[in-house]
Amino acid sequence: TMARVANFFRLMEGDVEEEEAYPDLAAEESRDCFDLSIFLPDGNNPRIATSDWSGSGGGNDGKMWDFQLCTTLVDPIGFSEESMFPAREWTYEELTKYCQLRWGKEITPTPFALVTNLGFADLVKTGTSRILFTNGLQDMWSGGSYLEDVSDSILALNFENGAHHSDLSHVGPSENDTEDIREGFVQVTGILETWLDEIKEESEN
């Protein structure tokens, strides 16, 4: 486990984009002891183990992800005795306790918000259109996504070699991406351009 952690930090070395986005992280690499507090999200009462036990990340990105998991996107994930992580049982009560400490007593996690508020139980019936789900199949989160097209305009693109966020990079395709990810960027760009053209045409008519 410690070897994996060490490898993670080695991978971050020399990443110019990462250094520009997280200057505190770059500064930490020159120290003998790594300060995990740089991964704390912004705001009051932050925790490294947030509503997402694997951590929400630092800065405003972490703050937004933490809030989302405290409101509309509840992920009831615990760790068993067989896990590589310390065993920990997930409970709704503990999540609520954390979220209200972090965001205020008026915040209550709503596990079925995507269904009740956004109609995710039947997107076609609610008239939803132009959603593109991209799934890196090496990422466990793909198991909770749409892996097949739902309609002509609710689409799913799956990447066999895609990992966590590799299909969502704002950098675009690079030499470090697998071939299916590079092709995926082209597909995604084409789909979004088509939809934007359609919306522009609709607004003009």
N, C-alpha and C. Protein backbone atom coordinates (compact mmCIF):
# COMPACT_ATOMS: atom_id res chain seq x y z
N THR A 1 0.83 -1.21 0.00
CA THR A 1 0.00 0.00 0.00
C THR A 1 0.86 1.26 0.00
N MET A 2 1.92 1.27 0.82
CA MET A 2 2.80 2.44 0.86
C MET A 2 3.50 2.64 -0.48
N ALA A 3 3.81 1.53 -1.16
CA ALA A 3 4.45 1.64 -2.47
C ALA A 3 3.52 2.32 -3.46
N ARG A 4 2.23 2.02 -3.37
CA ARG A 4 1.26 2.65 -4.27
C ARG A 4 1.17 4.15 -3.99
N VAL A 5 1.17 4.51 -2.71
CA VAL A 5 1.12 5.92 -2.35
C VAL A 5 2.36 6.64 -2.89
N ALA A 6 3.53 6.01 -2.72
CA ALA A 6 4.77 6.60 -3.22
C ALA A 6 4.73 6.77 -4.72
N ASN A 7 4.21 5.77 -5.43
CA ASN A 7 4.11 5.84 -6.89
C ASN A 7 3.18 6.96 -7.32
N PHE A 8 2.11 7.18 -6.54
CA PHE A 8 1.16 8.24 -6.86
C PHE A 8 1.87 9.59 -6.87
N PHE A 9 2.68 9.84 -5.85
CA PHE A 9 3.35 11.12 -5.76
C PHE A 9 4.46 11.24 -6.80
N ARG A 10 5.07 10.11 -7.18
CA ARG A 10 6.07 10.16 -8.25
C ARG A 10 5.43 10.54 -9.58
N LEU A 11 4.22 10.04 -9.81
CA LEU A 11 3.52 10.35 -11.06
C LEU A 11 3.21 11.84 -11.16
N MET A 12 3.06 12.49 -10.01
CA MET A 12 2.72 13.90 -10.01
C MET A 12 3.94 14.78 -10.24
N GLU A 13 5.14 14.23 -10.13
CA GLU A 13 6.34 15.02 -10.31
C GLU A 13 6.48 15.45 -11.78
N GLY A 14 6.86 16.68 -11.99
CA GLY A 14 7.12 17.16 -13.34
C GLY A 14 5.88 17.44 -14.15
N ASP A 15 4.70 17.43 -13.53
CA ASP A 15 3.47 17.71 -14.24
C ASP A 15 3.22 19.22 -14.17
N VAL A 16 3.55 19.92 -15.25
CA VAL A 16 3.47 21.38 -15.25
C VAL A 16 2.05 21.85 -15.01
N GLU A 17 1.09 21.20 -15.66
CA GLU A 17 -0.32 21.61 -15.49
C GLU A 17 -0.75 21.43 -14.04
N GLU A 18 -0.37 20.31 -13.44
CA GLU A 18 -0.72 20.05 -12.05
C GLU A 18 -0.08 21.08 -11.13
N GLU A 19 1.17 21.44 -11.42
CA GLU A 19 1.87 22.41 -10.59
C GLU A 19 1.21 23.80 -10.68
N GLU A 20 0.75 24.15 -11.86
CA GLU A 20 0.09 25.44 -12.02
C GLU A 20 -1.26 25.46 -11.32
N ALA A 21 -1.97 24.34 -11.36
CA ALA A 21 -3.29 24.27 -10.74
C ALA A 21 -3.19 24.18 -9.22
N TYR A 22 -2.15 23.46 -8.73
CA TYR A 22 -2.00 23.26 -7.29
C TYR A 22 -0.57 23.64 -6.85
N PRO A 23 -0.28 24.94 -6.78
CA PRO A 23 1.08 25.35 -6.42
C PRO A 23 1.52 24.85 -5.04
N ASP A 24 0.56 24.72 -4.11
CA ASP A 24 0.91 24.22 -2.78
C ASP A 24 1.41 22.78 -2.86
N LEU A 25 0.81 22.01 -3.75
CA LEU A 25 1.23 20.61 -3.92
C LEU A 25 2.64 20.55 -4.47
N ALA A 26 2.96 21.39 -5.43
CA ALA A 26 4.30 21.41 -6.00
C ALA A 26 5.33 21.76 -4.94
N ALA A 27 5.00 22.70 -4.07
CA ALA A 27 5.92 23.11 -3.01
C ALA A 27 6.16 21.98 -2.02
N GLU A 28 5.14 21.14 -1.81
CA GLU A 28 5.26 20.04 -0.86
C GLU A 28 6.31 19.02 -1.28
N GLU A 29 6.56 18.90 -2.58
CA GLU A 29 7.45 17.85 -3.07
C GLU A 29 8.89 18.05 -2.58
N SER A 30 9.22 19.26 -2.18
CA SER A 30 10.58 19.53 -1.72
C SER A 30 10.73 19.34 -0.21
N ARG A 31 9.64 18.93 0.46
CA ARG A 31 9.70 18.78 1.90
C ARG A 31 9.88 17.31 2.29
N ASP A 32 10.40 17.12 3.50
CA ASP A 32 10.61 15.75 3.99
C ASP A 32 9.31 15.08 4.37
N CYS A 33 8.36 15.87 4.87
CA CYS A 33 7.09 15.31 5.34
C CYS A 33 5.95 15.90 4.51
N PHE A 34 5.14 15.05 3.91
CA PHE A 34 4.08 15.52 3.03
C PHE A 34 2.88 15.99 3.86
N ASP A 35 2.40 17.18 3.59
CA ASP A 35 1.30 17.79 4.33
C ASP A 35 -0.02 17.49 3.62
N LEU A 36 -0.78 16.54 4.16
CA LEU A 36 -2.05 16.15 3.53
C LEU A 36 -3.10 17.25 3.58
N SER A 37 -2.87 18.28 4.38
CA SER A 37 -3.88 19.33 4.50
C SER A 37 -4.09 20.08 3.19
N ILE A 38 -3.13 19.98 2.25
CA ILE A 38 -3.31 20.67 0.97
C ILE A 38 -4.44 20.04 0.17
N PHE A 39 -4.86 18.83 0.55
CA PHE A 39 -5.98 18.18 -0.14
C PHE A 39 -7.32 18.53 0.50
N LEU A 40 -7.29 19.36 1.54
CA LEU A 40 -8.54 19.75 2.17
C LEU A 40 -9.33 20.68 1.25
N PRO A 41 -10.63 20.45 1.08
CA PRO A 41 -11.44 21.40 0.30
C PRO A 41 -11.58 22.72 1.05
N ASP A 42 -11.93 23.77 0.33
CA ASP A 42 -12.12 25.07 0.94
C ASP A 42 -13.36 25.08 1.82
N GLY A 43 -13.47 26.09 2.67
CA GLY A 43 -14.67 26.26 3.48
C GLY A 43 -14.48 25.88 4.93
N ASN A 44 -15.58 25.93 5.69
CA ASN A 44 -15.55 25.64 7.12
C ASN A 44 -15.52 24.14 7.41
N ASN A 45 -14.86 23.78 8.51
CA ASN A 45 -14.81 22.40 8.99
C ASN A 45 -14.44 21.38 7.92
N PRO A 46 -13.41 21.61 7.15
CA PRO A 46 -13.05 20.63 6.11
C PRO A 46 -12.45 19.37 6.70
N ARG A 47 -12.58 18.28 6.01
CA ARG A 47 -11.98 17.01 6.40
C ARG A 47 -11.34 16.39 5.17
N ILE A 48 -10.27 15.62 5.35
CA ILE A 48 -9.70 14.89 4.22
C ILE A 48 -10.64 13.77 3.82
N ALA A 49 -11.16 13.02 4.82
CA ALA A 49 -12.20 12.02 4.55
C ALA A 49 -13.54 12.74 4.63
N THR A 50 -14.05 13.16 3.51
CA THR A 50 -15.24 14.00 3.46
C THR A 50 -16.48 13.13 3.24
N SER A 51 -17.49 13.69 2.57
CA SER A 51 -18.65 12.88 2.19
C SER A 51 -18.23 11.77 1.26
N ASP A 52 -17.13 11.96 0.57
CA ASP A 52 -16.48 10.92 -0.23
C ASP A 52 -15.29 10.44 0.58
N TRP A 53 -15.35 9.23 1.09
CA TRP A 53 -14.32 8.76 2.01
C TRP A 53 -12.94 8.67 1.36
N SER A 54 -12.90 8.61 0.05
CA SER A 54 -11.59 8.59 -0.61
C SER A 54 -11.00 9.99 -0.69
N GLY A 55 -11.79 10.99 -0.26
CA GLY A 55 -11.34 12.38 -0.29
C GLY A 55 -11.98 13.15 -1.42
N SER A 56 -12.27 14.40 -1.16
CA SER A 56 -12.92 15.24 -2.18
C SER A 56 -11.94 16.05 -2.98
N GLY A 57 -10.69 16.13 -2.52
CA GLY A 57 -9.70 16.95 -3.21
C GLY A 57 -9.66 18.35 -2.64
N GLY A 58 -8.70 19.13 -3.10
CA GLY A 58 -8.51 20.46 -2.56
C GLY A 58 -9.21 21.55 -3.33
N GLY A 59 -9.19 22.75 -2.78
CA GLY A 59 -9.72 23.93 -3.46
C GLY A 59 -11.21 23.89 -3.68
N ASN A 60 -11.66 24.72 -4.62
CA ASN A 60 -13.08 24.82 -4.90
C ASN A 60 -13.64 23.56 -5.56
N ASP A 61 -12.81 22.84 -6.34
CA ASP A 61 -13.27 21.58 -6.92
C ASP A 61 -13.70 20.61 -5.82
N GLY A 62 -12.86 20.51 -4.79
CA GLY A 62 -13.18 19.63 -3.68
C GLY A 62 -14.41 20.11 -2.92
N LYS A 63 -14.53 21.42 -2.77
CA LYS A 63 -15.67 22.00 -2.08
C LYS A 63 -16.97 21.66 -2.80
N MET A 64 -16.98 21.80 -4.12
CA MET A 64 -18.19 21.51 -4.90
C MET A 64 -18.55 20.03 -4.85
N TRP A 65 -17.52 19.16 -4.98
CA TRP A 65 -17.78 17.72 -4.95
C TRP A 65 -18.31 17.30 -3.58
N ASP A 66 -17.74 17.84 -2.53
CA ASP A 66 -18.18 17.53 -1.17
C ASP A 66 -19.64 17.94 -0.97
N PHE A 67 -19.98 19.14 -1.45
CA PHE A 67 -21.37 19.62 -1.29
C PHE A 67 -22.34 18.77 -2.10
N GLN A 68 -21.94 18.39 -3.30
CA GLN A 68 -22.81 17.58 -4.15
C GLN A 68 -23.12 16.24 -3.49
N LEU A 69 -22.10 15.63 -2.85
CA LEU A 69 -22.32 14.35 -2.20
C LEU A 69 -23.07 14.49 -0.88
N CYS A 70 -23.20 15.72 -0.41
CA CYS A 70 -23.99 15.97 0.80
C CYS A 70 -25.43 16.34 0.46
N THR A 71 -25.75 16.45 -0.82
CA THR A 71 -27.09 16.90 -1.20
C THR A 71 -27.75 15.95 -2.19
N THR A 72 -27.35 15.98 -3.44
CA THR A 72 -28.10 15.26 -4.48
C THR A 72 -27.45 13.99 -4.99
N LEU A 73 -26.19 13.75 -4.64
CA LEU A 73 -25.50 12.60 -5.21
C LEU A 73 -24.88 11.76 -4.09
N VAL A 74 -25.72 11.13 -3.31
CA VAL A 74 -25.26 10.34 -2.17
C VAL A 74 -24.70 9.01 -2.65
N ASP A 75 -23.47 8.69 -2.22
CA ASP A 75 -22.89 7.40 -2.60
C ASP A 75 -22.63 6.55 -1.35
N PRO A 76 -23.52 5.60 -1.07
CA PRO A 76 -23.41 4.78 0.14
C PRO A 76 -22.35 3.69 0.00
N ILE A 77 -21.11 4.09 0.14
CA ILE A 77 -20.01 3.16 -0.07
C ILE A 77 -19.20 3.04 1.23
N GLY A 78 -19.08 1.82 1.73
CA GLY A 78 -18.26 1.55 2.90
C GLY A 78 -17.10 0.65 2.54
N PHE A 79 -16.29 0.31 3.53
CA PHE A 79 -15.14 -0.57 3.31
C PHE A 79 -15.29 -1.81 4.18
N SER A 80 -15.17 -2.98 3.58
CA SER A 80 -15.31 -4.24 4.32
C SER A 80 -13.97 -4.66 4.90
N GLU A 81 -13.98 -5.75 5.66
CA GLU A 81 -12.75 -6.28 6.24
C GLU A 81 -11.79 -6.77 5.15
N GLU A 82 -12.34 -7.12 3.96
CA GLU A 82 -11.52 -7.61 2.86
C GLU A 82 -10.91 -6.48 2.03
N SER A 83 -11.30 -5.24 2.32
CA SER A 83 -10.82 -4.11 1.53
C SER A 83 -9.36 -3.81 1.85
N MET A 84 -8.69 -3.13 0.89
CA MET A 84 -7.32 -2.66 1.13
C MET A 84 -7.31 -1.47 2.08
N PHE A 85 -8.50 -0.88 2.31
CA PHE A 85 -8.63 0.25 3.21
C PHE A 85 -9.11 -0.22 4.58
N PRO A 86 -8.90 0.58 5.62
CA PRO A 86 -9.43 0.21 6.94
C PRO A 86 -10.94 0.02 6.88
N ALA A 87 -11.43 -1.04 7.54
CA ALA A 87 -12.87 -1.33 7.52
C ALA A 87 -13.66 -0.17 8.09
N ARG A 88 -14.75 0.17 7.41
CA ARG A 88 -15.58 1.28 7.87
C ARG A 88 -16.98 1.10 7.30
N GLU A 89 -17.97 1.07 8.18
CA GLU A 89 -19.35 0.90 7.75
C GLU A 89 -19.95 2.25 7.40
N TRP A 90 -20.62 2.31 6.25
CA TRP A 90 -21.29 3.55 5.84
C TRP A 90 -22.68 3.59 6.46
N THR A 91 -23.07 4.73 7.02
CA THR A 91 -24.44 4.91 7.49
C THR A 91 -24.95 6.29 7.07
N TYR A 92 -26.23 6.36 6.80
CA TYR A 92 -26.85 7.63 6.43
C TYR A 92 -26.74 8.63 7.58
N GLU A 93 -26.85 8.14 8.80
CA GLU A 93 -26.80 9.01 9.97
C GLU A 93 -25.44 9.70 10.10
N GLU A 94 -24.37 8.94 9.88
CA GLU A 94 -23.04 9.52 9.97
C GLU A 94 -22.78 10.53 8.85
N LEU A 95 -23.30 10.20 7.65
CA LEU A 95 -23.15 11.15 6.54
C LEU A 95 -23.88 12.45 6.87
N THR A 96 -25.09 12.35 7.37
CA THR A 96 -25.88 13.53 7.70
C THR A 96 -25.18 14.37 8.77
N LYS A 97 -24.62 13.68 9.76
CA LYS A 97 -23.89 14.37 10.83
C LYS A 97 -22.72 15.17 10.26
N TYR A 98 -21.95 14.54 9.38
CA TYR A 98 -20.82 15.22 8.77
C TYR A 98 -21.29 16.41 7.92
N CYS A 99 -22.28 16.18 7.08
CA CYS A 99 -22.74 17.21 6.13
C CYS A 99 -23.30 18.42 6.86
N GLN A 100 -23.99 18.20 7.96
CA GLN A 100 -24.54 19.34 8.70
C GLN A 100 -23.47 20.08 9.47
N LEU A 101 -22.43 19.37 9.92
CA LEU A 101 -21.28 20.04 10.53
C LEU A 101 -20.57 20.91 9.50
N ARG A 102 -20.47 20.39 8.30
CA ARG A 102 -19.71 21.05 7.22
C ARG A 102 -20.50 22.20 6.61
N TRP A 103 -21.80 21.97 6.35
CA TRP A 103 -22.56 22.93 5.54
C TRP A 103 -23.72 23.60 6.27
N GLY A 104 -24.05 23.14 7.46
CA GLY A 104 -25.15 23.75 8.21
C GLY A 104 -26.30 22.79 8.43
N LYS A 105 -27.07 23.05 9.45
CA LYS A 105 -28.15 22.15 9.86
C LYS A 105 -29.24 22.00 8.81
N GLU A 106 -29.34 22.99 7.90
CA GLU A 106 -30.41 22.92 6.89
C GLU A 106 -30.08 21.94 5.76
N ILE A 107 -28.86 21.43 5.73
CA ILE A 107 -28.46 20.51 4.66
C ILE A 107 -28.77 19.07 5.06
N THR A 108 -29.53 18.40 4.22
CA THR A 108 -29.87 16.99 4.45
C THR A 108 -29.59 16.21 3.18
N PRO A 109 -28.75 15.18 3.24
CA PRO A 109 -28.50 14.36 2.05
C PRO A 109 -29.79 13.74 1.52
N THR A 110 -29.97 13.78 0.21
CA THR A 110 -31.20 13.29 -0.43
C THR A 110 -30.83 12.20 -1.43
N PRO A 111 -30.86 10.93 -0.98
CA PRO A 111 -30.37 9.83 -1.82
C PRO A 111 -31.07 9.67 -3.16
N PHE A 112 -32.35 10.05 -3.26
CA PHE A 112 -33.09 9.81 -4.49
C PHE A 112 -33.37 11.10 -5.27
N ALA A 113 -32.54 12.12 -5.03
CA ALA A 113 -32.77 13.41 -5.69
C ALA A 113 -32.70 13.32 -7.20
N LEU A 114 -31.77 12.52 -7.74
CA LEU A 114 -31.66 12.42 -9.19
C LEU A 114 -32.93 11.84 -9.82
N VAL A 115 -33.61 11.00 -9.07
CA VAL A 115 -34.86 10.41 -9.57
C VAL A 115 -36.03 11.37 -9.37
N THR A 116 -36.18 11.89 -8.14
CA THR A 116 -37.34 12.72 -7.84
C THR A 116 -37.27 14.11 -8.46
N ASN A 117 -36.07 14.68 -8.53
CA ASN A 117 -35.93 16.06 -9.02
C ASN A 117 -35.60 16.15 -10.51
N LEU A 118 -34.84 15.16 -11.01
CA LEU A 118 -34.37 15.24 -12.39
C LEU A 118 -34.89 14.13 -13.29
N GLY A 119 -35.72 13.24 -12.74
CA GLY A 119 -36.35 12.23 -13.57
C GLY A 119 -35.45 11.14 -14.09
N PHE A 120 -34.39 10.80 -13.35
CA PHE A 120 -33.44 9.81 -13.84
C PHE A 120 -34.02 8.41 -13.94
N ALA A 121 -35.18 8.17 -13.32
CA ALA A 121 -35.80 6.85 -13.43
C ALA A 121 -36.27 6.59 -14.85
N ASP A 122 -36.63 7.66 -15.58
CA ASP A 122 -37.08 7.52 -16.97
C ASP A 122 -36.81 8.84 -17.69
N LEU A 123 -35.59 8.99 -18.17
CA LEU A 123 -35.18 10.25 -18.80
C LEU A 123 -35.98 10.55 -20.06
N VAL A 124 -36.33 9.52 -20.80
CA VAL A 124 -37.09 9.73 -22.04
C VAL A 124 -38.48 10.25 -21.73
N LYS A 125 -39.12 9.67 -20.73
CA LYS A 125 -40.47 10.07 -20.36
C LYS A 125 -40.53 11.53 -19.92
N THR A 126 -39.48 12.01 -19.28
CA THR A 126 -39.46 13.40 -18.82
C THR A 126 -39.07 14.38 -19.92
N GLY A 127 -38.81 13.86 -21.11
CA GLY A 127 -38.48 14.73 -22.23
C GLY A 127 -37.04 15.21 -22.24
N THR A 128 -36.18 14.51 -21.53
CA THR A 128 -34.77 14.89 -21.46
C THR A 128 -34.08 14.63 -22.79
N SER A 129 -33.15 15.48 -23.14
CA SER A 129 -32.41 15.28 -24.38
C SER A 129 -31.00 15.85 -24.24
N ARG A 130 -30.14 15.46 -25.16
CA ARG A 130 -28.77 15.97 -25.26
C ARG A 130 -27.97 15.78 -23.98
N ILE A 131 -27.87 14.55 -23.55
CA ILE A 131 -26.96 14.18 -22.46
C ILE A 131 -25.98 13.16 -23.02
N LEU A 132 -24.72 13.35 -22.72
CA LEU A 132 -23.69 12.43 -23.16
C LEU A 132 -22.98 11.84 -21.94
N PHE A 133 -23.16 10.54 -21.72
CA PHE A 133 -22.48 9.84 -20.64
C PHE A 133 -21.20 9.22 -21.18
N THR A 134 -20.06 9.61 -20.62
CA THR A 134 -18.80 8.99 -21.04
C THR A 134 -18.30 8.12 -19.88
N ASN A 135 -17.89 6.91 -20.20
CA ASN A 135 -17.52 5.95 -19.17
C ASN A 135 -16.17 5.31 -19.45
N GLY A 136 -15.23 5.51 -18.55
CA GLY A 136 -13.98 4.75 -18.59
C GLY A 136 -14.23 3.43 -17.88
N LEU A 137 -14.19 2.33 -18.59
CA LEU A 137 -14.61 1.05 -18.02
C LEU A 137 -13.62 0.49 -17.00
N GLN A 138 -12.44 1.10 -16.88
CA GLN A 138 -11.51 0.70 -15.82
C GLN A 138 -11.81 1.45 -14.51
N ASP A 139 -12.77 2.33 -14.55
CA ASP A 139 -13.19 3.09 -13.38
C ASP A 139 -14.43 2.42 -12.78
N MET A 140 -14.39 2.13 -11.49
CA MET A 140 -15.52 1.42 -10.88
C MET A 140 -16.83 2.22 -10.97
N TRP A 141 -16.72 3.55 -11.07
CA TRP A 141 -17.94 4.35 -11.15
C TRP A 141 -18.74 4.07 -12.42
N SER A 142 -18.11 3.50 -13.43
CA SER A 142 -18.85 3.19 -14.65
C SER A 142 -19.97 2.20 -14.39
N GLY A 143 -19.85 1.41 -13.32
CA GLY A 143 -20.90 0.45 -12.99
C GLY A 143 -22.22 1.09 -12.59
N GLY A 144 -22.19 2.37 -12.23
CA GLY A 144 -23.42 3.06 -11.87
C GLY A 144 -23.89 4.03 -12.93
N SER A 145 -23.33 3.92 -14.12
CA SER A 145 -23.66 4.86 -15.20
C SER A 145 -24.55 4.19 -16.24
N TYR A 146 -24.94 4.97 -17.22
CA TYR A 146 -25.62 4.44 -18.39
C TYR A 146 -24.55 3.96 -19.37
N LEU A 147 -24.57 2.68 -19.69
CA LEU A 147 -23.56 2.10 -20.57
C LEU A 147 -24.08 1.89 -21.99
N GLU A 148 -25.36 2.17 -22.20
CA GLU A 148 -25.97 2.05 -23.52
C GLU A 148 -26.76 3.31 -23.81
N ASP A 149 -26.92 3.63 -25.10
CA ASP A 149 -27.73 4.79 -25.48
C ASP A 149 -29.15 4.62 -24.95
N VAL A 150 -29.68 5.69 -24.41
CA VAL A 150 -31.06 5.67 -23.89
C VAL A 150 -32.04 6.11 -24.98
N SER A 151 -31.61 7.04 -25.82
CA SER A 151 -32.43 7.52 -26.93
C SER A 151 -31.49 8.06 -28.00
N ASP A 152 -32.07 8.71 -29.02
CA ASP A 152 -31.24 9.27 -30.09
C ASP A 152 -30.36 10.42 -29.61
N SER A 153 -30.74 11.04 -28.49
CA SER A 153 -29.95 12.18 -28.00
C SER A 153 -29.51 12.03 -26.54
N ILE A 154 -29.71 10.86 -25.97
CA ILE A 154 -29.13 10.53 -24.66
C ILE A 154 -28.18 9.38 -24.91
N LEU A 155 -26.91 9.72 -25.01
CA LEU A 155 -25.93 8.78 -25.56
C LEU A 155 -24.91 8.32 -24.51
N ALA A 156 -24.35 7.16 -24.76
CA ALA A 156 -23.29 6.62 -23.89
C ALA A 156 -22.08 6.25 -24.75
N LEU A 157 -20.91 6.73 -24.34
CA LEU A 157 -19.66 6.34 -24.98
C LEU A 157 -18.81 5.63 -23.93
N ASN A 158 -18.37 4.40 -24.25
CA ASN A 158 -17.59 3.61 -23.32
C ASN A 158 -16.17 3.44 -23.82
N PHE A 159 -15.21 3.58 -22.90
CA PHE A 159 -13.81 3.46 -23.25
C PHE A 159 -13.20 2.30 -22.47
N GLU A 160 -12.83 1.26 -23.18
CA GLU A 160 -12.34 0.05 -22.53
C GLU A 160 -11.14 0.32 -21.64
N ASN A 161 -10.27 1.22 -22.09
CA ASN A 161 -9.05 1.52 -21.33
C ASN A 161 -9.17 2.79 -20.50
N GLY A 162 -10.36 3.36 -20.45
CA GLY A 162 -10.55 4.60 -19.72
C GLY A 162 -10.50 4.38 -18.21
N ALA A 163 -9.81 5.28 -17.51
CA ALA A 163 -9.72 5.21 -16.06
C ALA A 163 -10.50 6.38 -15.46
N HIS A 164 -10.35 6.58 -14.18
CA HIS A 164 -11.09 7.62 -13.49
C HIS A 164 -10.70 9.00 -14.03
N HIS A 165 -11.66 9.68 -14.64
CA HIS A 165 -11.48 11.03 -15.19
C HIS A 165 -10.65 11.09 -16.47
N SER A 166 -10.12 9.98 -16.96
CA SER A 166 -9.30 10.08 -18.17
C SER A 166 -10.15 10.48 -19.37
N ASP A 167 -11.46 10.28 -19.27
CA ASP A 167 -12.35 10.67 -20.35
C ASP A 167 -12.88 12.09 -20.16
N LEU A 168 -12.48 12.76 -19.09
CA LEU A 168 -13.00 14.08 -18.80
C LEU A 168 -11.93 15.15 -18.73
N SER A 169 -10.72 14.82 -19.11
CA SER A 169 -9.62 15.78 -19.00
C SER A 169 -9.91 17.02 -19.83
N HIS A 170 -9.67 18.19 -19.23
CA HIS A 170 -9.87 19.45 -19.96
C HIS A 170 -8.70 19.78 -20.85
N VAL A 171 -7.66 18.95 -20.81
CA VAL A 171 -6.48 19.18 -21.63
C VAL A 171 -6.71 18.72 -23.07
N GLY A 172 -7.50 17.68 -23.21
CA GLY A 172 -7.70 17.12 -24.54
C GLY A 172 -6.81 15.92 -24.76
N PRO A 173 -6.90 15.27 -25.90
CA PRO A 173 -6.10 14.06 -26.13
C PRO A 173 -4.61 14.37 -26.10
N SER A 174 -3.84 13.46 -25.53
CA SER A 174 -2.39 13.64 -25.46
C SER A 174 -1.71 12.31 -25.75
N GLU A 175 -0.39 12.35 -25.85
CA GLU A 175 0.37 11.13 -26.13
C GLU A 175 0.29 10.14 -24.96
N ASN A 176 -0.15 10.62 -23.79
CA ASN A 176 -0.28 9.73 -22.64
C ASN A 176 -1.60 8.98 -22.62
N ASP A 177 -2.54 9.38 -23.47
CA ASP A 177 -3.85 8.72 -23.52
C ASP A 177 -3.79 7.48 -24.39
N THR A 178 -4.66 6.52 -24.08
CA THR A 178 -4.80 5.34 -24.92
C THR A 178 -5.54 5.72 -26.19
N GLU A 179 -5.47 4.85 -27.19
CA GLU A 179 -6.07 5.16 -28.48
C GLU A 179 -7.57 5.39 -28.37
N ASP A 180 -8.26 4.59 -27.55
CA ASP A 180 -9.71 4.76 -27.45
C ASP A 180 -10.07 6.10 -26.80
N ILE A 181 -9.24 6.59 -25.88
CA ILE A 181 -9.50 7.90 -25.29
C ILE A 181 -9.27 9.00 -26.31
N ARG A 182 -8.21 8.88 -27.10
CA ARG A 182 -7.95 9.89 -28.13
C ARG A 182 -9.09 9.93 -29.15
N GLU A 183 -9.56 8.76 -29.56
CA GLU A 183 -10.69 8.71 -30.48
C GLU A 183 -11.95 9.27 -29.81
N GLY A 184 -12.07 9.01 -28.51
CA GLY A 184 -13.24 9.49 -27.79
C GLY A 184 -13.35 11.00 -27.76
N PHE A 185 -12.21 11.69 -27.62
CA PHE A 185 -12.23 13.15 -27.65
C PHE A 185 -12.79 13.66 -28.97
N VAL A 186 -12.43 13.00 -30.06
CA VAL A 186 -12.93 13.39 -31.37
C VAL A 186 -14.44 13.17 -31.43
N GLN A 187 -14.89 12.00 -30.93
CA GLN A 187 -16.33 11.71 -30.93
C GLN A 187 -17.10 12.71 -30.09
N VAL A 188 -16.61 12.97 -28.89
CA VAL A 188 -17.30 13.89 -27.98
C VAL A 188 -17.39 15.28 -28.61
N THR A 189 -16.28 15.74 -29.17
CA THR A 189 -16.28 17.06 -29.81
C THR A 189 -17.29 17.13 -30.93
N GLY A 190 -17.36 16.09 -31.73
CA GLY A 190 -18.31 16.06 -32.85
C GLY A 190 -19.75 16.09 -32.37
N ILE A 191 -20.06 15.31 -31.34
CA ILE A 191 -21.43 15.26 -30.81
C ILE A 191 -21.83 16.62 -30.23
N LEU A 192 -20.95 17.21 -29.43
CA LEU A 192 -21.28 18.50 -28.81
C LEU A 192 -21.41 19.60 -29.85
N GLU A 193 -20.58 19.59 -30.88
CA GLU A 193 -20.70 20.59 -31.94
C GLU A 193 -22.04 20.45 -32.66
N THR A 194 -22.45 19.22 -32.91
CA THR A 194 -23.74 18.98 -33.57
C THR A 194 -24.88 19.52 -32.73
N TRP A 195 -24.86 19.23 -31.44
CA TRP A 195 -25.92 19.69 -30.56
C TRP A 195 -25.95 21.21 -30.46
N LEU A 196 -24.79 21.83 -30.38
CA LEU A 196 -24.75 23.29 -30.31
C LEU A 196 -25.29 23.92 -31.58
N ASP A 197 -24.97 23.32 -32.73
CA ASP A 197 -25.51 23.82 -34.00
C ASP A 197 -27.03 23.67 -34.02
N GLU A 198 -27.53 22.55 -33.52
CA GLU A 198 -28.98 22.32 -33.47
C GLU A 198 -29.67 23.36 -32.59
N ILE A 199 -29.08 23.61 -31.43
CA ILE A 199 -29.67 24.59 -30.49
C ILE A 199 -29.66 25.99 -31.10
N LYS A 200 -28.57 26.33 -31.77
CA LYS A 200 -28.49 27.65 -32.41
C LYS A 200 -29.55 27.79 -33.49
N GLU A 201 -29.73 26.73 -34.28
CA GLU A 201 -30.74 26.76 -35.36
C GLU A 201 -32.14 26.86 -34.78
N GLU A 202 -32.39 26.13 -33.70
CA GLU A 202 -33.72 26.16 -33.05
C GLU A 202 -34.01 27.55 -32.50
N SER A 203 -33.02 28.20 -31.93
CA SER A 203 -33.23 29.52 -31.33
C SER A 203 -33.46 30.59 -32.39
N GLU A 204 -32.97 30.36 -33.60
CA GLU A 204 -33.13 31.33 -34.67
C GLU A 204 -34.48 31.18 -35.38
N ASN A 205 -35.11 30.02 -35.25
CA ASN A 205 -36.40 29.78 -35.93
C ASN A 205 -37.59 30.13 -35.06
